[in-house]
Each structure stands twice: as structure tokens, then as C-alpha cells.
PDB file of N, CA and C in Angstrom:
ATOM      1  N   MET A   1      61.709  94.227  98.188  1.00  0.00           N
ATOM      2  CA  MET A   1      61.227  95.578  97.901  1.00  0.00           C
ATOM      3  C   MET A   1      59.782  95.497  97.434  1.00  0.00           C
ATOM      4  N   ALA A   2      58.928  96.352  97.956  1.00  0.00           N
ATOM      5  CA  ALA A   2      57.508  96.326  97.624  1.00  0.00           C
ATOM      6  C   ALA A   2      57.263  96.933  96.253  1.00  0.00           C
ATOM      7  N   ALA A   3      56.231  96.440  95.601  1.00  0.00           N
ATOM      8  CA  ALA A   3      55.841  97.000  94.305  1.00  0.00           C
ATOM      9  C   ALA A   3      55.317  98.415  94.511  1.00  0.00           C
ATOM     10  N   ASP A   4      55.243  99.167  93.416  1.00  0.00           N
ATOM     11  CA  ASP A   4      54.798 100.558  93.509  1.00  0.00           C
ATOM     12  C   ASP A   4      53.386 100.686  94.065  1.00  0.00           C
ATOM     13  N   ASN A   5      52.510  99.709  93.764  1.00  0.00           N
ATOM     14  CA  ASN A   5      51.123  99.826  94.196  1.00  0.00           C
ATOM     15  C   ASN A   5      50.899  99.235  95.582  1.00  0.00           C
ATOM     16  N   GLU A   6      51.957  98.717  96.231  1.00  0.00           N
ATOM     17  CA  GLU A   6      51.831  98.171  97.576  1.00  0.00           C
ATOM     18  C   GLU A   6      52.304  99.198  98.584  1.00  0.00           C
ATOM     19  N   ARG A   7      51.577  99.251  99.701  1.00  0.00           N
ATOM     20  CA  ARG A   7      51.956 100.164 100.767  1.00  0.00           C
ATOM     21  C   ARG A   7      52.565  99.351 101.901  1.00  0.00           C
ATOM     22  N   PRO A   8      53.423  99.959 102.712  1.00  0.00           N
ATOM     23  CA  PRO A   8      53.948  99.243 103.877  1.00  0.00           C
ATOM     24  C   PRO A   8      52.786  98.802 104.775  1.00  0.00           C
ATOM     25  N   LEU A   9      52.937  97.646 105.415  1.00  0.00           N
ATOM     26  CA  LEU A   9      51.849  97.105 106.229  1.00  0.00           C
ATOM     27  C   LEU A   9      51.386  98.054 107.325  1.00  0.00           C
ATOM     28  N   ASN A  10      52.292  98.887 107.840  1.00  0.00           N
ATOM     29  CA  ASN A  10      51.866  99.812 108.893  1.00  0.00           C
ATOM     30  C   ASN A  10      50.971 100.926 108.361  1.00  0.00           C
ATOM     31  N   GLU A  11      50.854 101.041 107.036  1.00  0.00           N
ATOM     32  CA  GLU A  11      49.971 102.044 106.437  1.00  0.00           C
ATOM     33  C   GLU A  11      48.673 101.442 105.896  1.00  0.00           C
ATOM     34  N   VAL A  12      48.566 100.112 105.902  1.00  0.00           N
ATOM     35  CA  VAL A  12      47.380  99.444 105.377  1.00  0.00           C
ATOM     36  C   VAL A  12      46.287  99.458 106.434  1.00  0.00           C
ATOM     37  N   ARG A  13      45.084  99.800 106.025  1.00  0.00           N
ATOM     38  CA  ARG A  13      43.942  99.774 106.942  1.00  0.00           C
ATOM     39  C   ARG A  13      43.208  98.450 106.728  1.00  0.00           C
ATOM     40  N   PHE A  14      43.104  97.671 107.791  1.00  0.00           N
ATOM     41  CA  PHE A  14      42.427  96.385 107.725  1.00  0.00           C
ATOM     42  C   PHE A  14      41.017  96.516 108.273  1.00  0.00           C
ATOM     43  N   LEU A  15      40.057  95.852 107.612  1.00  0.00           N
ATOM     44  CA  LEU A  15      38.661  95.874 108.021  1.00  0.00           C
ATOM     45  C   LEU A  15      38.250  94.502 108.541  1.00  0.00           C
ATOM     46  N   THR A  16      37.338  94.495 109.499  1.00  0.00           N
ATOM     47  CA  THR A  16      36.773  93.237 109.963  1.00  0.00           C
ATOM     48  C   THR A  16      35.768  92.740 108.934  1.00  0.00           C
ATOM     49  N   VAL A  17      35.358  91.490 109.083  1.00  0.00           N
ATOM     50  CA  VAL A  17      34.351  90.927 108.180  1.00  0.00           C
ATOM     51  C   VAL A  17      33.061  91.741 108.276  1.00  0.00           C
ATOM     52  N   ALA A  18      32.682  92.143 109.474  1.00  0.00           N
ATOM     53  CA  ALA A  18      31.463  92.944 109.652  1.00  0.00           C
ATOM     54  C   ALA A  18      31.579  94.293 108.938  1.00  0.00           C
ATOM     55  N   GLU A  19      32.751  94.919 109.011  1.00  0.00           N
ATOM     56  CA  GLU A  19      32.952  96.202 108.328  1.00  0.00           C
ATOM     57  C   GLU A  19      32.901  96.033 106.817  1.00  0.00           C
ATOM     58  N   VAL A  20      33.510  94.955 106.305  1.00  0.00           N
ATOM     59  CA  VAL A  20      33.466  94.690 104.865  1.00  0.00           C
ATOM     60  C   VAL A  20      32.024  94.467 104.429  1.00  0.00           C
ATOM     61  N   ALA A  21      31.273  93.693 105.208  1.00  0.00           N
ATOM     62  CA  ALA A  21      29.868  93.432 104.884  1.00  0.00           C
ATOM     63  C   ALA A  21      29.078  94.737 104.840  1.00  0.00           C
ATOM     64  N   SER A  22      29.365  95.622 105.756  1.00  0.00           N
ATOM     65  CA  SER A  22      28.673  96.914 105.785  1.00  0.00           C
ATOM     66  C   SER A  22      29.015  97.759 104.561  1.00  0.00           C
ATOM     67  N   VAL A  23      30.293  97.809 104.195  1.00  0.00           N
ATOM     68  CA  VAL A  23      30.723  98.587 103.028  1.00  0.00           C
ATOM     69  C   VAL A  23      30.086  98.039 101.754  1.00  0.00           C
ATOM     70  N   MET A  24      30.077  96.702 101.641  1.00  0.00           N
ATOM     71  CA  MET A  24      29.565  96.066 100.433  1.00  0.00           C
ATOM     72  C   MET A  24      28.051  95.872 100.457  1.00  0.00           C
ATOM     73  N   ARG A  25      27.444  96.099 101.624  1.00  0.00           N
ATOM     74  CA  ARG A  25      25.999  95.898 101.817  1.00  0.00           C
ATOM     75  C   ARG A  25      25.582  94.466 101.495  1.00  0.00           C
ATOM     76  N   VAL A  26      26.344  93.532 102.060  1.00  0.00           N
ATOM     77  CA  VAL A  26      26.051  92.108 101.935  1.00  0.00           C
ATOM     78  C   VAL A  26      26.130  91.506 103.344  1.00  0.00           C
ATOM     79  N   SER A  27      25.798  90.226 103.456  1.00  0.00           N
ATOM     80  CA  SER A  27      25.881  89.566 104.755  1.00  0.00           C
ATOM     81  C   SER A  27      27.332  89.190 105.062  1.00  0.00           C
ATOM     82  N   LYS A  28      27.592  88.929 106.346  1.00  0.00           N
ATOM     83  CA  LYS A  28      28.926  88.485 106.737  1.00  0.00           C
ATOM     84  C   LYS A  28      29.249  87.141 106.082  1.00  0.00           C
ATOM     85  N   MET A  29      28.240  86.285 105.923  1.00  0.00           N
ATOM     86  CA  MET A  29      28.467  84.987 105.287  1.00  0.00           C
ATOM     87  C   MET A  29      28.962  85.166 103.860  1.00  0.00           C
ATOM     88  N   THR A  30      28.447  86.150 103.146  1.00  0.00           N
ATOM     89  CA  THR A  30      28.914  86.421 101.781  1.00  0.00           C
ATOM     90  C   THR A  30      30.384  86.813 101.793  1.00  0.00           C
ATOM     91  N   VAL A  31      30.785  87.619 102.763  1.00  0.00           N
ATOM     92  CA  VAL A  31      32.191  88.016 102.873  1.00  0.00           C
ATOM     93  C   VAL A  31      33.057  86.791 103.162  1.00  0.00           C
ATOM     94  N   TYR A  32      32.608  85.934 104.077  1.00  0.00           N
ATOM     95  CA  TYR A  32      33.363  84.708 104.369  1.00  0.00           C
ATOM     96  C   TYR A  32      33.504  83.849 103.113  1.00  0.00           C
ATOM     97  N   ARG A  33      32.455  83.757 102.327  1.00  0.00           N
ATOM     98  CA  ARG A  33      32.526  82.969 101.082  1.00  0.00           C
ATOM     99  C   ARG A  33      33.550  83.562 100.118  1.00  0.00           C
ATOM    100  N   LEU A  34      33.561  84.886 100.000  1.00  0.00           N
ATOM    101  CA  LEU A  34      34.524  85.556  99.121  1.00  0.00           C
ATOM    102  C   LEU A  34      35.955  85.322  99.591  1.00  0.00           C
ATOM    103  N   VAL A  35      36.160  85.348 100.901  1.00  0.00           N
ATOM    104  CA  VAL A  35      37.496  85.114 101.455  1.00  0.00           C
ATOM    105  C   VAL A  35      37.920  83.672 101.216  1.00  0.00           C
ATOM    106  N   HIS A  36      37.046  82.718 101.546  1.00  0.00           N
ATOM    107  CA  HIS A  36      37.397  81.301 101.412  1.00  0.00           C
ATOM    108  C   HIS A  36      37.570  80.880  99.953  1.00  0.00           C
ATOM    109  N   SER A  37      36.871  81.532  99.041  1.00  0.00           N
ATOM    110  CA  SER A  37      37.005  81.190  97.619  1.00  0.00           C
ATOM    111  C   SER A  37      38.230  81.842  96.983  1.00  0.00           C
ATOM    112  N   GLY A  38      38.851  82.775  97.695  1.00  0.00           N
ATOM    113  CA  GLY A  38      40.029  83.449  97.166  1.00  0.00           C
ATOM    114  C   GLY A  38      39.727  84.701  96.370  1.00  0.00           C
ATOM    115  N   HIS A  39      38.462  85.078  96.267  1.00  0.00           N
ATOM    116  CA  HIS A  39      38.108  86.289  95.521  1.00  0.00           C
ATOM    117  C   HIS A  39      38.456  87.565  96.290  1.00  0.00           C
ATOM    118  N   LEU A  40      38.543  87.457  97.608  1.00  0.00           N
ATOM    119  CA  LEU A  40      38.860  88.608  98.446  1.00  0.00           C
ATOM    120  C   LEU A  40      40.012  88.208  99.371  1.00  0.00           C
ATOM    121  N   PRO A  41      41.175  88.840  99.220  1.00  0.00           N
ATOM    122  CA  PRO A  41      42.311  88.470 100.060  1.00  0.00           C
ATOM    123  C   PRO A  41      42.083  88.885 101.509  1.00  0.00           C
ATOM    124  N   ALA A  42      42.604  88.095 102.428  1.00  0.00           N
ATOM    125  CA  ALA A  42      42.452  88.392 103.846  1.00  0.00           C
ATOM    126  C   ALA A  42      43.599  87.752 104.613  1.00  0.00           C
ATOM    127  N   ILE A  43      43.819  88.267 105.807  1.00  0.00           N
ATOM    128  CA  ILE A  43      44.762  87.635 106.711  1.00  0.00           C
ATOM    129  C   ILE A  43      43.970  87.123 107.904  1.00  0.00           C
ATOM    130  N   ARG A  44      44.488  86.075 108.502  1.00  0.00           N
ATOM    131  CA  ARG A  44      43.815  85.490 109.656  1.00  0.00           C
ATOM    132  C   ARG A  44      44.501  85.999 110.917  1.00  0.00           C
ATOM    133  N   VAL A  45      43.706  86.516 111.840  1.00  0.00           N
ATOM    134  CA  VAL A  45      44.194  86.977 113.138  1.00  0.00           C
ATOM    135  C   VAL A  45      43.437  86.166 114.174  1.00  0.00           C
ATOM    136  N   GLY A  46      44.110  85.187 114.745  1.00  0.00           N
ATOM    137  CA  GLY A  46      43.422  84.290 115.659  1.00  0.00           C
ATOM    138  C   GLY A  46      42.373  83.502 114.892  1.00  0.00           C
ATOM    139  N   ARG A  47      41.119  83.620 115.318  1.00  0.00           N
ATOM    140  CA  ARG A  47      40.033  82.924 114.635  1.00  0.00           C
ATOM    141  C   ARG A  47      39.248  83.839 113.701  1.00  0.00           C
ATOM    142  N   SER A  48      39.688  85.077 113.560  1.00  0.00           N
ATOM    143  CA  SER A  48      38.958  86.020 112.712  1.00  0.00           C
ATOM    144  C   SER A  48      39.807  86.433 111.516  1.00  0.00           C
ATOM    145  N   PHE A  49      39.166  87.092 110.563  1.00  0.00           N
ATOM    146  CA  PHE A  49      39.838  87.551 109.352  1.00  0.00           C
ATOM    147  C   PHE A  49      39.869  89.072 109.324  1.00  0.00           C
ATOM    148  N   ARG A  50      40.894  89.598 108.686  1.00  0.00           N
ATOM    149  CA  ARG A  50      40.995  91.029 108.417  1.00  0.00           C
ATOM    150  C   ARG A  50      41.264  91.182 106.928  1.00  0.00           C
ATOM    151  N   VAL A  51      40.550  92.105 106.319  1.00  0.00           N
ATOM    152  CA  VAL A  51      40.642  92.320 104.875  1.00  0.00           C
ATOM    153  C   VAL A  51      41.206  93.717 104.630  1.00  0.00           C
ATOM    154  N   PRO A  52      42.237  93.825 103.796  1.00  0.00           N
ATOM    155  CA  PRO A  52      42.761  95.165 103.471  1.00  0.00           C
ATOM    156  C   PRO A  52      41.674  96.005 102.795  1.00  0.00           C
ATOM    157  N   GLU A  53      41.524  97.231 103.249  1.00  0.00           N
ATOM    158  CA  GLU A  53      40.480  98.114 102.712  1.00  0.00           C
ATOM    159  C   GLU A  53      40.622  98.285 101.204  1.00  0.00           C
ATOM    160  N   GLN A  54      41.849  98.418 100.720  1.00  0.00           N
ATOM    161  CA  GLN A  54      42.071  98.589  99.282  1.00  0.00           C
ATOM    162  C   GLN A  54      41.616  97.367  98.499  1.00  0.00           C
ATOM    163  N   ALA A  55      41.715  96.174  99.088  1.00  0.00           N
ATOM    164  CA  ALA A  55      41.269  94.949  98.415  1.00  0.00           C
ATOM    165  C   ALA A  55      39.761  94.969  98.210  1.00  0.00           C
ATOM    166  N   VAL A  56      39.042  95.524  99.175  1.00  0.00           N
ATOM    167  CA  VAL A  56      37.584  95.634  99.048  1.00  0.00           C
ATOM    168  C   VAL A  56      37.248  96.571  97.894  1.00  0.00           C
ATOM    169  N   HIS A  57      37.918  97.717  97.853  1.00  0.00           N
ATOM    170  CA  HIS A  57      37.661  98.683  96.785  1.00  0.00           C
ATOM    171  C   HIS A  57      38.033  98.103  95.416  1.00  0.00           C
ATOM    172  N   ALA A  58      39.152  97.386  95.353  1.00  0.00           N
ATOM    173  CA  ALA A  58      39.569  96.766  94.088  1.00  0.00           C
ATOM    174  C   ALA A  58      38.556  95.711  93.651  1.00  0.00           C
ATOM    175  N   TYR A  59      38.071  94.903  94.583  1.00  0.00           N
ATOM    176  CA  TYR A  59      37.090  93.873  94.249  1.00  0.00           C
ATOM    177  C   TYR A  59      35.815  94.516  93.691  1.00  0.00           C
ATOM    178  N   LEU A  60      35.365  95.575  94.325  1.00  0.00           N
ATOM    179  CA  LEU A  60      34.148  96.251  93.863  1.00  0.00           C
ATOM    180  C   LEU A  60      34.347  96.870  92.480  1.00  0.00           C
ATOM    181  N   ARG A  61      35.525  97.474  92.240  1.00  0.00           N
ATOM    182  CA  ARG A  61      35.799  98.050  90.905  1.00  0.00           C
ATOM    183  C   ARG A  61      35.799  96.968  89.837  1.00  0.00           C
ATOM    184  N   GLU A  62      36.443  95.819  90.132  1.00  0.00           N
ATOM    185  CA  GLU A  62      36.525  94.737  89.151  1.00  0.00           C
ATOM    186  C   GLU A  62      35.183  94.069  88.920  1.00  0.00           C
ATOM    187  N   SER A  63      34.306  94.117  89.917  1.00  0.00           N
ATOM    188  CA  SER A  63      33.023  93.441  89.825  1.00  0.00           C
ATOM    189  C   SER A  63      31.935  94.324  89.237  1.00  0.00           C
ATOM    190  N   PHE A  64      32.263  95.576  88.973  1.00  0.00           N
ATOM    191  CA  PHE A  64      31.256  96.509  88.463  1.00  0.00           C
ATOM    192  C   PHE A  64      30.741  96.044  87.108  1.00  0.00           C
ATOM    193  N   VAL A  65      29.440  96.028  86.978  1.00  0.00           N
ATOM    194  CA  VAL A  65      28.806  95.609  85.721  1.00  0.00           C
ATOM    195  C   VAL A  65      28.208  96.859  85.087  1.00  0.00           C
ATOM    196  N   GLY A  66      28.732  97.236  83.943  1.00  0.00           N
ATOM    197  CA  GLY A  66      28.227  98.394  83.238  1.00  0.00           C
ATOM    198  C   GLY A  66      27.076  97.997  82.328  1.00  0.00           C
ATOM    199  N   VAL A  67      26.196  98.920  82.078  1.00  0.00           N
ATOM    200  CA  VAL A  67      25.071  98.672  81.183  1.00  0.00           C
ATOM    201  C   VAL A  67      25.462  99.151  79.791  1.00  0.00           C
ATOM    202  N   GLU A  68      25.393  98.236  78.834  1.00  0.00           N
ATOM    203  CA  GLU A  68      25.727  98.595  77.470  1.00  0.00           C
ATOM    204  C   GLU A  68      24.457  98.964  76.723  1.00  0.00           C
ATOM    205  N   SER A  69      24.567  99.966  75.871  1.00  0.00           N
ATOM    206  CA  SER A  69      23.399 100.354  75.075  1.00  0.00           C
ATOM    207  C   SER A  69      23.247  99.413  73.883  1.00  0.00           C
ATOM    208  N   ALA A  70      22.017  99.183  73.484  1.00  0.00           N
ATOM    209  CA  ALA A  70      21.729  98.229  72.395  1.00  0.00           C
ATOM    210  C   ALA A  70      21.955  98.823  71.050  1.00  0.00           C
TER     211      ALA A  70
END
């Protein structure tokens, strides 16, 4: 049984590495590094990777650096 925050796979939108790079405004190599380091989950389809769209949004939320006042 899936957890409450997990959606069935047929409802998950997967992005290519190029699409993730575009959303994050980084190079494709940066996305590959994030995938290989385990910071960004992905599935392998043949020789390419697909990243769940929600994982990209979660990574960006967790990586947000707020400015604290002095």
C-alpha cells in the first residue's frame, strides 16, 4: 500500500534530464551529478534517466536558502 504522499505511478509526471535542467536553470551535467550522488531520485529508462516532477520541486524546496536578518 502506498504512503499518503505517494501517487500511483500512472499519475506521476516524469521529466527528462533536459527538462529538469531547464526548470532548475542549471546544466544537464549538474542534473546528472545530482542523480548520481543520490540527491535527486530518478529511474533509468534504457540509457537515459527520468526524474519525478515532484522530486524536483521537493529538492528545490529543501535547498532553499533563506536570508536571516542580523
